[in-house]
Every structure is written in structure tokens, then in C-alpha cells.
Amino acid sequence: MSKKDDTTPTETNEDMLFLEAMQDVLPLTASDKIISKIKKPSPRPRQKNLHNPSSDNANSAETPILNISANDEWFFARPGVSKQTLRRLKRGYWPIQGRLDLHGLTQDEARKHLTAFVNNALLNQLRCVQIIHGKGLSSKDGVPVLKICVGNWLAGHSNVLAFCQAEPKKGGSGAVIVLLKATDT
């Protein structure tokens, strides 16, 4: 039995109708796009040491996140922190529960003190602290070295939600008010 004998008259009519409908159709031109069939690796969660800002941003002192000058009013808010929260921080909504003065310290000393202070604040469940870094007016070229470093260290610390320049009566451009994440106990 041949293949032609197996076909029914309706199949032949449908084939003929299809061929007739397709006679003016042209093939698509080749696209210059290449579809990659390489399977992308699945994302892995980043390992974080919650109490060590250097693990979140190891080169923060060398690679500035924030670029500021001596008289700049500055602030930082982690993505997801509302403008209202930052506004409340600027207006003193949270009472300052701890202070750290970094005047006269080298960058390395300041980083060690800052790390220990933030870790201690987190352990003691403090939400709002003040870091006094100085205005940098007597530093070489008028560049506020500690101010820039403190801003970068805080911005690189995963438990810092936001910070802003202190009010003039609380240190002005020589200090920042820091809002820390609430810790679960």
C-alpha cells in the first residue's frame, strides 16, 4: 500500500487549500540576534558578617562611595528606607543613645573605634547614635579625611539604615547621626 492510498479525500483537500493559501508567503530573513542557550548559574546568597563593616565593603576607605567637601551637608539612606525616615532622623525624632568622638585619631584607629562602637551599639540594641568626626578644617588641602572615611564606612555597613549631618547645635558638619537596624532578640 502506498502512502497516497492511505490519505482520505478531505486530507488532500486541506493540503491543497493550505498550499494555495501559502503560495505568496516568503520565508523570514535571518535575524542578526543570537539566542544563547547557555544556562545561567543560579544566584547564591551573599555571606555577610553582620557585625563587621569591613566584610561588607572591604575597600571602602580606598574606594569612596560618598564624595563630599568640608562644608557639604550630606546624608545617606539605604535603598528601601523612606524619605520620611530620613526626614525624621534629620529632625531628631530618635533620641541619641550613644556618642563616639574620633577627633585626633588616624584612619586605622578611627575605623577600629567605629567598628567596635557600632558592634557594641547593635549588641545593646541602640537605634540612634552620633559619630563625631570633625570638620577637617585643619587637614591637608582642607579635605575632611575622617568625614569621608566615616561616611563610606557607615554606608558600607549592612546594619546602618541611614545617617545624616547633625544639627548645628549637635556638631553640624563635624558629626553624623546614625540610624541602626533594630535587632531581633
N, C-alpha and C. Protein backbone atom coordinates (compact mmCIF):
# COMPACT_ATOMS: atom_id res chain seq x y z
N MET A 1 0.82 -1.17 0.00
CA MET A 1 0.00 0.00 0.00
C MET A 1 0.87 1.24 0.00
N SER A 2 0.55 2.11 -0.88
CA SER A 2 1.34 3.34 -0.96
C SER A 2 0.77 4.39 -0.02
N LYS A 3 1.58 5.40 0.18
CA LYS A 3 1.18 6.47 1.10
C LYS A 3 -0.02 7.22 0.55
N LYS A 4 -0.09 7.34 -0.76
CA LYS A 4 -1.18 8.05 -1.37
C LYS A 4 -2.50 7.33 -1.14
N ASP A 5 -2.46 6.01 -1.04
CA ASP A 5 -3.67 5.25 -0.81
C ASP A 5 -4.20 5.45 0.60
N ASP A 6 -3.32 5.81 1.57
CA ASP A 6 -3.74 5.99 2.96
C ASP A 6 -4.45 7.31 3.20
N THR A 7 -4.28 8.29 2.32
CA THR A 7 -4.87 9.60 2.55
C THR A 7 -6.32 9.60 2.14
N THR A 8 -7.09 10.33 2.89
CA THR A 8 -8.51 10.45 2.58
C THR A 8 -8.72 11.69 1.73
N PRO A 9 -9.83 11.79 1.05
CA PRO A 9 -10.07 12.96 0.19
C PRO A 9 -10.06 14.28 0.95
N THR A 10 -10.51 14.31 2.23
CA THR A 10 -10.51 15.57 2.99
C THR A 10 -9.10 16.02 3.30
N GLU A 11 -8.19 15.08 3.59
CA GLU A 11 -6.82 15.46 3.86
C GLU A 11 -6.18 16.09 2.63
N THR A 12 -6.46 15.55 1.47
CA THR A 12 -5.90 16.07 0.23
C THR A 12 -6.44 17.46 -0.03
N ASN A 13 -7.72 17.67 0.20
CA ASN A 13 -8.32 19.00 0.02
C ASN A 13 -7.72 20.01 0.99
N GLU A 14 -7.49 19.60 2.24
CA GLU A 14 -6.91 20.51 3.23
C GLU A 14 -5.48 20.86 2.86
N ASP A 15 -4.73 19.87 2.37
CA ASP A 15 -3.36 20.12 1.94
C ASP A 15 -3.35 21.10 0.77
N MET A 16 -4.23 20.90 -0.14
CA MET A 16 -4.30 21.78 -1.31
C MET A 16 -4.69 23.20 -0.90
N LEU A 17 -5.65 23.32 0.02
CA LEU A 17 -6.06 24.63 0.50
C LEU A 17 -4.90 25.34 1.23
N PHE A 18 -4.17 24.57 2.00
CA PHE A 18 -3.05 25.13 2.73
C PHE A 18 -1.97 25.63 1.77
N LEU A 19 -1.61 24.79 0.80
CA LEU A 19 -0.60 25.19 -0.17
C LEU A 19 -1.04 26.40 -0.97
N GLU A 20 -2.30 26.46 -1.32
CA GLU A 20 -2.83 27.59 -2.06
C GLU A 20 -2.78 28.86 -1.22
N ALA A 21 -3.09 28.76 0.08
CA ALA A 21 -3.06 29.93 0.96
C ALA A 21 -1.63 30.41 1.21
N MET A 22 -0.67 29.52 1.12
CA MET A 22 0.72 29.85 1.44
C MET A 22 1.56 30.21 0.22
N GLN A 23 0.99 30.21 -0.96
CA GLN A 23 1.80 30.38 -2.16
C GLN A 23 2.49 31.75 -2.22
N ASP A 24 1.93 32.83 -1.64
CA ASP A 24 2.56 34.16 -1.68
C ASP A 24 3.42 34.45 -0.44
N VAL A 25 3.54 33.52 0.44
CA VAL A 25 4.30 33.72 1.67
C VAL A 25 5.78 33.54 1.40
N LEU A 26 6.59 34.48 1.94
CA LEU A 26 8.04 34.39 1.79
C LEU A 26 8.65 34.01 3.13
N PRO A 27 9.77 33.30 3.12
CA PRO A 27 10.41 32.95 4.38
C PRO A 27 10.98 34.21 5.06
N LEU A 28 11.03 34.18 6.38
CA LEU A 28 11.60 35.30 7.13
C LEU A 28 13.08 35.40 6.88
N THR A 29 13.57 36.65 6.90
CA THR A 29 15.00 36.83 6.74
C THR A 29 15.70 36.45 8.03
N ALA A 30 16.93 36.04 7.91
CA ALA A 30 17.69 35.61 9.09
C ALA A 30 17.92 36.80 10.01
N SER A 31 17.72 36.60 11.29
CA SER A 31 17.91 37.65 12.29
C SER A 31 19.37 37.74 12.67
N ASP A 32 19.82 38.95 13.06
CA ASP A 32 21.21 39.10 13.50
C ASP A 32 21.34 38.82 15.00
N LYS A 33 20.26 38.45 15.63
CA LYS A 33 20.28 38.13 17.05
C LYS A 33 20.66 36.67 17.26
N ILE A 34 21.44 36.47 18.29
CA ILE A 34 21.82 35.10 18.64
C ILE A 34 21.18 34.78 19.98
N ILE A 35 20.48 33.71 20.02
CA ILE A 35 19.84 33.28 21.26
C ILE A 35 20.78 32.33 21.97
N SER A 36 21.23 32.77 23.12
CA SER A 36 22.17 31.97 23.89
C SER A 36 21.44 30.84 24.59
N LYS A 37 22.00 29.68 24.51
CA LYS A 37 21.39 28.52 25.16
C LYS A 37 22.19 28.10 26.38
N ILE A 38 23.11 28.98 26.81
CA ILE A 38 23.91 28.69 27.99
C ILE A 38 23.06 28.97 29.22
N LYS A 39 22.99 28.01 30.09
CA LYS A 39 22.19 28.17 31.31
C LYS A 39 22.96 29.03 32.30
N LYS A 40 22.32 30.09 32.77
CA LYS A 40 22.95 30.97 33.74
C LYS A 40 23.00 30.30 35.10
N PRO A 41 24.07 30.54 35.85
CA PRO A 41 24.15 29.93 37.18
C PRO A 41 23.10 30.54 38.11
N SER A 42 22.63 29.74 39.02
CA SER A 42 21.64 30.26 39.96
C SER A 42 22.33 31.17 40.97
N PRO A 43 21.63 32.23 41.43
CA PRO A 43 22.26 33.16 42.37
C PRO A 43 22.51 32.51 43.72
N ARG A 44 23.61 32.91 44.34
CA ARG A 44 23.93 32.43 45.68
C ARG A 44 23.81 33.60 46.63
N PRO A 45 23.23 33.39 47.79
CA PRO A 45 23.14 34.49 48.74
C PRO A 45 24.53 34.91 49.20
N ARG A 46 24.70 36.22 49.35
CA ARG A 46 25.98 36.75 49.78
C ARG A 46 26.16 36.48 51.26
N GLN A 47 27.33 36.02 51.64
CA GLN A 47 27.63 35.77 53.04
C GLN A 47 27.97 37.08 53.69
N LYS A 48 27.32 37.39 54.79
CA LYS A 48 27.55 38.65 55.49
C LYS A 48 27.92 38.39 56.93
N ASN A 49 28.87 39.16 57.40
CA ASN A 49 29.18 39.19 58.82
C ASN A 49 28.47 40.43 59.34
N LEU A 50 27.38 40.26 60.05
CA LEU A 50 26.53 41.37 60.44
C LEU A 50 27.22 42.40 61.32
N HIS A 51 28.29 42.03 61.99
CA HIS A 51 28.91 42.96 62.91
C HIS A 51 30.26 43.45 62.44
N ASN A 52 30.56 43.33 61.17
CA ASN A 52 31.86 43.76 60.68
C ASN A 52 31.69 44.53 59.37
N PRO A 53 31.76 45.85 59.40
CA PRO A 53 31.56 46.62 58.17
C PRO A 53 32.63 46.36 57.14
N SER A 54 33.81 45.93 57.57
CA SER A 54 34.88 45.70 56.59
C SER A 54 34.55 44.53 55.68
N SER A 55 33.74 43.57 56.15
CA SER A 55 33.37 42.45 55.28
C SER A 55 32.36 42.87 54.23
N ASP A 56 31.55 43.88 54.51
CA ASP A 56 30.57 44.35 53.54
C ASP A 56 31.21 45.21 52.46
N ASN A 57 32.24 45.94 52.84
CA ASN A 57 32.86 46.84 51.89
C ASN A 57 34.33 46.96 52.25
N ALA A 58 35.09 46.00 51.84
CA ALA A 58 36.47 45.87 52.29
C ALA A 58 37.33 47.06 51.88
N ASN A 59 37.06 47.65 50.75
CA ASN A 59 37.91 48.73 50.28
C ASN A 59 37.24 50.09 50.41
N SER A 60 36.35 50.25 51.36
CA SER A 60 35.59 51.49 51.44
C SER A 60 36.46 52.70 51.69
N ALA A 61 37.57 52.56 52.40
CA ALA A 61 38.44 53.70 52.63
C ALA A 61 39.17 54.08 51.34
N GLU A 62 39.50 53.10 50.53
CA GLU A 62 40.23 53.35 49.31
C GLU A 62 39.31 53.73 48.15
N THR A 63 38.11 53.18 48.11
CA THR A 63 37.15 53.45 47.05
C THR A 63 35.97 54.20 47.63
N PRO A 64 35.95 55.53 47.51
CA PRO A 64 34.89 56.29 48.15
C PRO A 64 33.52 56.03 47.55
N ILE A 65 32.56 55.85 48.42
CA ILE A 65 31.17 55.74 48.00
C ILE A 65 30.58 57.14 47.93
N LEU A 66 30.91 57.93 48.96
CA LEU A 66 30.40 59.28 49.06
C LEU A 66 31.54 60.27 48.83
N ASN A 67 31.33 61.26 48.02
CA ASN A 67 32.36 62.25 47.77
C ASN A 67 31.84 63.59 48.26
N ILE A 68 32.47 64.14 49.28
CA ILE A 68 31.99 65.36 49.91
C ILE A 68 33.15 66.31 50.20
N SER A 69 32.81 67.57 50.42
CA SER A 69 33.82 68.53 50.83
C SER A 69 33.52 68.97 52.25
N ALA A 70 34.37 69.82 52.80
CA ALA A 70 34.32 70.18 54.21
C ALA A 70 32.97 70.77 54.64
N ASN A 71 32.35 71.57 53.80
CA ASN A 71 31.13 72.27 54.21
C ASN A 71 29.85 71.67 53.64
N ASP A 72 29.95 70.54 52.96
CA ASP A 72 28.76 69.91 52.38
C ASP A 72 27.85 69.36 53.46
N GLU A 73 26.54 69.58 53.28
CA GLU A 73 25.56 68.89 54.11
C GLU A 73 25.30 67.57 53.41
N TRP A 74 25.39 66.50 54.12
CA TRP A 74 25.32 65.20 53.48
C TRP A 74 24.44 64.25 54.26
N PHE A 75 24.01 63.20 53.56
CA PHE A 75 23.16 62.19 54.16
C PHE A 75 23.27 60.92 53.33
N PHE A 76 22.79 59.83 53.91
CA PHE A 76 22.78 58.54 53.23
C PHE A 76 21.56 57.78 53.72
N ALA A 77 20.88 57.12 52.81
CA ALA A 77 19.78 56.23 53.17
C ALA A 77 19.89 54.98 52.31
N ARG A 78 19.87 53.84 52.95
CA ARG A 78 19.93 52.56 52.25
C ARG A 78 18.67 52.43 51.39
N PRO A 79 18.77 51.77 50.22
CA PRO A 79 17.57 51.56 49.40
C PRO A 79 16.47 50.89 50.22
N GLY A 80 15.27 51.41 50.11
CA GLY A 80 14.14 50.88 50.87
C GLY A 80 13.81 51.72 52.08
N VAL A 81 14.71 52.60 52.49
CA VAL A 81 14.45 53.49 53.63
C VAL A 81 13.70 54.70 53.08
N SER A 82 12.56 55.00 53.68
CA SER A 82 11.71 56.06 53.15
C SER A 82 12.31 57.44 53.40
N LYS A 83 11.86 58.40 52.59
CA LYS A 83 12.28 59.79 52.77
C LYS A 83 11.80 60.31 54.11
N GLN A 84 10.65 59.83 54.56
CA GLN A 84 10.11 60.25 55.85
C GLN A 84 11.04 59.81 56.99
N THR A 85 11.59 58.61 56.90
CA THR A 85 12.52 58.14 57.92
C THR A 85 13.76 59.03 57.96
N LEU A 86 14.30 59.38 56.81
CA LEU A 86 15.46 60.26 56.75
C LEU A 86 15.12 61.64 57.30
N ARG A 87 13.94 62.14 56.96
CA ARG A 87 13.49 63.43 57.47
C ARG A 87 13.38 63.40 58.99
N ARG A 88 12.83 62.31 59.52
CA ARG A 88 12.71 62.17 60.98
C ARG A 88 14.09 62.12 61.64
N LEU A 89 15.03 61.43 61.00
CA LEU A 89 16.38 61.36 61.55
C LEU A 89 17.00 62.75 61.60
N LYS A 90 16.84 63.53 60.53
CA LYS A 90 17.38 64.89 60.49
C LYS A 90 16.76 65.78 61.56
N ARG A 91 15.50 65.55 61.87
CA ARG A 91 14.79 66.39 62.84
C ARG A 91 14.92 65.91 64.28
N GLY A 92 15.65 64.84 64.50
CA GLY A 92 15.88 64.37 65.87
C GLY A 92 14.74 63.56 66.45
N TYR A 93 14.01 62.84 65.62
CA TYR A 93 12.89 62.02 66.08
C TYR A 93 13.34 60.95 67.07
N TRP A 94 14.50 60.33 66.80
CA TRP A 94 15.04 59.31 67.70
C TRP A 94 16.05 59.98 68.64
N PRO A 95 15.98 59.67 69.91
CA PRO A 95 16.97 60.24 70.82
C PRO A 95 18.34 59.58 70.58
N ILE A 96 19.39 60.38 70.72
CA ILE A 96 20.74 59.85 70.56
C ILE A 96 21.07 59.01 71.78
N GLN A 97 21.38 57.75 71.55
CA GLN A 97 21.61 56.80 72.64
C GLN A 97 23.08 56.52 72.90
N GLY A 98 23.96 57.01 72.04
CA GLY A 98 25.39 56.81 72.23
C GLY A 98 26.18 57.75 71.34
N ARG A 99 27.40 58.11 71.79
CA ARG A 99 28.26 59.01 71.03
C ARG A 99 29.67 58.44 70.93
N LEU A 100 30.31 58.72 69.81
CA LEU A 100 31.70 58.34 69.61
C LEU A 100 32.42 59.55 69.03
N ASP A 101 33.52 59.96 69.65
CA ASP A 101 34.32 61.09 69.18
C ASP A 101 35.61 60.55 68.58
N LEU A 102 35.84 60.84 67.31
CA LEU A 102 37.01 60.34 66.60
C LEU A 102 38.08 61.41 66.38
N HIS A 103 37.93 62.57 67.01
CA HIS A 103 38.92 63.65 66.85
C HIS A 103 40.32 63.16 67.16
N GLY A 104 41.27 63.52 66.33
CA GLY A 104 42.67 63.24 66.60
C GLY A 104 43.12 61.82 66.29
N LEU A 105 42.24 60.96 65.80
CA LEU A 105 42.62 59.58 65.51
C LEU A 105 43.08 59.45 64.06
N THR A 106 43.94 58.48 63.81
CA THR A 106 44.31 58.16 62.42
C THR A 106 43.15 57.40 61.79
N GLN A 107 43.23 57.20 60.47
CA GLN A 107 42.16 56.47 59.78
C GLN A 107 42.03 55.05 60.34
N ASP A 108 43.15 54.37 60.54
CA ASP A 108 43.09 52.99 61.05
C ASP A 108 42.49 52.95 62.45
N GLU A 109 42.93 53.87 63.31
CA GLU A 109 42.40 53.91 64.68
C GLU A 109 40.91 54.24 64.65
N ALA A 110 40.55 55.20 63.82
CA ALA A 110 39.14 55.61 63.72
C ALA A 110 38.27 54.46 63.25
N ARG A 111 38.75 53.70 62.28
CA ARG A 111 37.96 52.57 61.77
C ARG A 111 37.77 51.51 62.85
N LYS A 112 38.82 51.21 63.60
CA LYS A 112 38.71 50.23 64.68
C LYS A 112 37.72 50.70 65.74
N HIS A 113 37.82 51.97 66.13
CA HIS A 113 36.90 52.51 67.14
C HIS A 113 35.46 52.52 66.62
N LEU A 114 35.30 52.92 65.36
CA LEU A 114 33.95 52.97 64.77
C LEU A 114 33.34 51.57 64.70
N THR A 115 34.11 50.59 64.25
CA THR A 115 33.62 49.21 64.16
C THR A 115 33.20 48.70 65.53
N ALA A 116 34.07 48.90 66.52
CA ALA A 116 33.75 48.44 67.88
C ALA A 116 32.52 49.16 68.42
N PHE A 117 32.41 50.46 68.15
CA PHE A 117 31.28 51.24 68.64
C PHE A 117 29.97 50.77 68.03
N VAL A 118 29.95 50.58 66.70
CA VAL A 118 28.72 50.14 66.03
C VAL A 118 28.35 48.72 66.48
N ASN A 119 29.33 47.85 66.60
CA ASN A 119 29.06 46.49 67.09
C ASN A 119 28.46 46.52 68.49
N ASN A 120 29.03 47.35 69.36
CA ASN A 120 28.54 47.47 70.72
C ASN A 120 27.12 48.06 70.74
N ALA A 121 26.88 49.04 69.89
CA ALA A 121 25.54 49.64 69.80
C ALA A 121 24.52 48.61 69.35
N LEU A 122 24.88 47.77 68.39
CA LEU A 122 23.97 46.73 67.93
C LEU A 122 23.70 45.70 69.03
N LEU A 123 24.76 45.31 69.74
CA LEU A 123 24.59 44.34 70.84
C LEU A 123 23.71 44.89 71.94
N ASN A 124 23.80 46.20 72.17
CA ASN A 124 22.99 46.85 73.21
C ASN A 124 21.65 47.36 72.69
N GLN A 125 21.34 47.01 71.45
CA GLN A 125 20.07 47.36 70.80
C GLN A 125 19.81 48.86 70.75
N LEU A 126 20.86 49.64 70.47
CA LEU A 126 20.70 51.07 70.29
C LEU A 126 20.24 51.32 68.86
N ARG A 127 19.35 52.27 68.67
CA ARG A 127 18.85 52.59 67.33
C ARG A 127 19.50 53.82 66.74
N CYS A 128 19.81 54.82 67.57
CA CYS A 128 20.31 56.09 67.06
C CYS A 128 21.56 56.50 67.82
N VAL A 129 22.65 56.71 67.08
CA VAL A 129 23.92 57.09 67.70
C VAL A 129 24.52 58.27 66.93
N GLN A 130 25.47 58.94 67.58
CA GLN A 130 26.15 60.06 66.96
C GLN A 130 27.63 59.74 66.83
N ILE A 131 28.19 60.03 65.67
CA ILE A 131 29.62 59.87 65.42
C ILE A 131 30.18 61.27 65.16
N ILE A 132 31.13 61.68 65.98
CA ILE A 132 31.77 62.99 65.81
C ILE A 132 33.11 62.74 65.12
N HIS A 133 33.23 63.24 63.90
CA HIS A 133 34.44 63.01 63.10
C HIS A 133 35.25 64.27 62.91
N GLY A 134 34.68 65.41 63.21
CA GLY A 134 35.37 66.69 62.99
C GLY A 134 35.09 67.21 61.59
N LYS A 135 35.37 68.49 61.40
CA LYS A 135 35.09 69.13 60.12
C LYS A 135 36.24 69.03 59.14
N GLY A 136 37.41 68.65 59.61
CA GLY A 136 38.55 68.51 58.71
C GLY A 136 39.13 69.83 58.26
N LEU A 137 38.88 70.90 59.00
CA LEU A 137 39.35 72.22 58.60
C LEU A 137 40.87 72.35 58.69
N SER A 138 41.50 71.60 59.58
CA SER A 138 42.96 71.70 59.72
C SER A 138 43.69 70.61 58.94
N SER A 139 42.98 69.80 58.20
CA SER A 139 43.64 68.74 57.43
C SER A 139 44.26 69.31 56.16
N LYS A 140 45.17 68.55 55.59
CA LYS A 140 45.88 68.97 54.39
C LYS A 140 44.90 69.24 53.25
N ASP A 141 45.05 70.34 52.59
CA ASP A 141 44.21 70.76 51.46
C ASP A 141 42.75 70.97 51.85
N GLY A 142 42.45 71.02 53.14
CA GLY A 142 41.07 71.23 53.58
C GLY A 142 40.14 70.07 53.29
N VAL A 143 40.70 68.91 52.99
CA VAL A 143 39.89 67.73 52.68
C VAL A 143 39.53 67.04 54.00
N PRO A 144 38.25 66.86 54.28
CA PRO A 144 37.83 66.23 55.53
C PRO A 144 38.00 64.71 55.47
N VAL A 145 39.21 64.23 55.72
CA VAL A 145 39.56 62.81 55.54
C VAL A 145 38.67 61.91 56.39
N LEU A 146 38.59 62.18 57.71
CA LEU A 146 37.78 61.31 58.56
C LEU A 146 36.30 61.38 58.20
N LYS A 147 35.83 62.55 57.82
CA LYS A 147 34.43 62.70 57.44
C LYS A 147 34.10 61.78 56.26
N ILE A 148 34.95 61.80 55.25
CA ILE A 148 34.73 60.96 54.07
C ILE A 148 34.81 59.49 54.45
N CYS A 149 35.85 59.14 55.23
CA CYS A 149 36.02 57.74 55.62
C CYS A 149 34.84 57.25 56.45
N VAL A 150 34.41 58.04 57.42
CA VAL A 150 33.28 57.64 58.28
C VAL A 150 32.03 57.44 57.44
N GLY A 151 31.78 58.35 56.51
CA GLY A 151 30.62 58.20 55.63
C GLY A 151 30.67 56.93 54.82
N ASN A 152 31.83 56.63 54.27
CA ASN A 152 31.99 55.42 53.46
C ASN A 152 31.88 54.16 54.31
N TRP A 153 32.47 54.17 55.51
CA TRP A 153 32.40 53.01 56.39
C TRP A 153 30.96 52.75 56.81
N LEU A 154 30.26 53.82 57.16
CA LEU A 154 28.86 53.66 57.58
C LEU A 154 27.98 53.19 56.41
N ALA A 155 28.19 53.77 55.23
CA ALA A 155 27.39 53.38 54.05
C ALA A 155 27.65 51.93 53.68
N GLY A 156 28.86 51.43 53.96
CA GLY A 156 29.20 50.06 53.64
C GLY A 156 28.78 49.06 54.69
N HIS A 157 28.28 49.52 55.82
CA HIS A 157 27.88 48.63 56.92
C HIS A 157 26.42 48.24 56.74
N SER A 158 26.16 46.95 56.68
CA SER A 158 24.81 46.46 56.38
C SER A 158 23.78 46.80 57.45
N ASN A 159 24.20 47.10 58.67
CA ASN A 159 23.24 47.40 59.73
C ASN A 159 22.97 48.88 59.90
N VAL A 160 23.56 49.71 59.06
CA VAL A 160 23.29 51.14 59.08
C VAL A 160 22.18 51.41 58.07
N LEU A 161 21.03 51.86 58.56
CA LEU A 161 19.92 52.17 57.66
C LEU A 161 20.10 53.53 57.00
N ALA A 162 20.52 54.52 57.79
CA ALA A 162 20.66 55.87 57.27
C ALA A 162 21.55 56.68 58.21
N PHE A 163 22.08 57.76 57.67
CA PHE A 163 22.75 58.75 58.52
C PHE A 163 22.64 60.10 57.86
N CYS A 164 22.76 61.14 58.67
CA CYS A 164 22.70 62.49 58.16
C CYS A 164 23.59 63.39 59.01
N GLN A 165 23.88 64.54 58.47
CA GLN A 165 24.67 65.52 59.20
C GLN A 165 23.89 65.98 60.42
N ALA A 166 24.60 66.18 61.51
CA ALA A 166 23.95 66.61 62.75
C ALA A 166 23.50 68.07 62.62
N GLU A 167 22.55 68.44 63.46
CA GLU A 167 22.10 69.83 63.53
C GLU A 167 23.28 70.68 64.02
N PRO A 168 23.29 71.97 63.69
CA PRO A 168 24.41 72.82 64.12
C PRO A 168 24.68 72.77 65.62
N LYS A 169 23.64 72.72 66.44
CA LYS A 169 23.84 72.69 67.89
C LYS A 169 24.36 71.34 68.40
N LYS A 170 24.34 70.31 67.51
CA LYS A 170 24.81 68.98 67.90
C LYS A 170 26.06 68.55 67.12
N GLY A 171 26.75 69.52 66.54
CA GLY A 171 28.01 69.21 65.85
C GLY A 171 28.06 69.63 64.40
N GLY A 172 26.91 69.91 63.80
CA GLY A 172 26.86 70.36 62.41
C GLY A 172 27.59 69.45 61.45
N SER A 173 28.43 70.03 60.60
CA SER A 173 29.12 69.25 59.57
C SER A 173 30.27 68.42 60.14
N GLY A 174 30.51 68.52 61.46
CA GLY A 174 31.55 67.72 62.09
C GLY A 174 31.04 66.46 62.74
N ALA A 175 29.76 66.13 62.54
CA ALA A 175 29.18 64.94 63.17
C ALA A 175 28.04 64.40 62.32
N VAL A 176 27.77 63.12 62.50
CA VAL A 176 26.63 62.49 61.83
C VAL A 176 25.77 61.77 62.85
N ILE A 177 24.48 61.74 62.57
CA ILE A 177 23.51 60.99 63.36
C ILE A 177 23.21 59.73 62.55
N VAL A 178 23.33 58.58 63.20
CA VAL A 178 23.23 57.30 62.51
C VAL A 178 22.02 56.52 63.02
N LEU A 179 21.21 56.00 62.10
CA LEU A 179 20.09 55.13 62.44
C LEU A 179 20.48 53.70 62.13
N LEU A 180 20.45 52.85 63.16
CA LEU A 180 20.83 51.44 63.00
C LEU A 180 19.59 50.57 62.87
N LYS A 181 19.75 49.40 62.28
CA LYS A 181 18.66 48.44 62.18
C LYS A 181 18.27 47.98 63.57
N ALA A 182 17.00 47.74 63.75
CA ALA A 182 16.53 47.15 65.00
C ALA A 182 16.93 45.68 65.00
N THR A 183 17.49 45.20 66.09
CA THR A 183 17.91 43.81 66.16
C THR A 183 16.84 43.00 66.85
N ASP A 184 16.65 41.78 66.37
CA ASP A 184 15.67 40.86 66.97
C ASP A 184 16.35 40.13 68.13
N THR A 185 15.61 39.97 69.22
CA THR A 185 16.14 39.20 70.35
C THR A 185 15.27 38.03 70.62
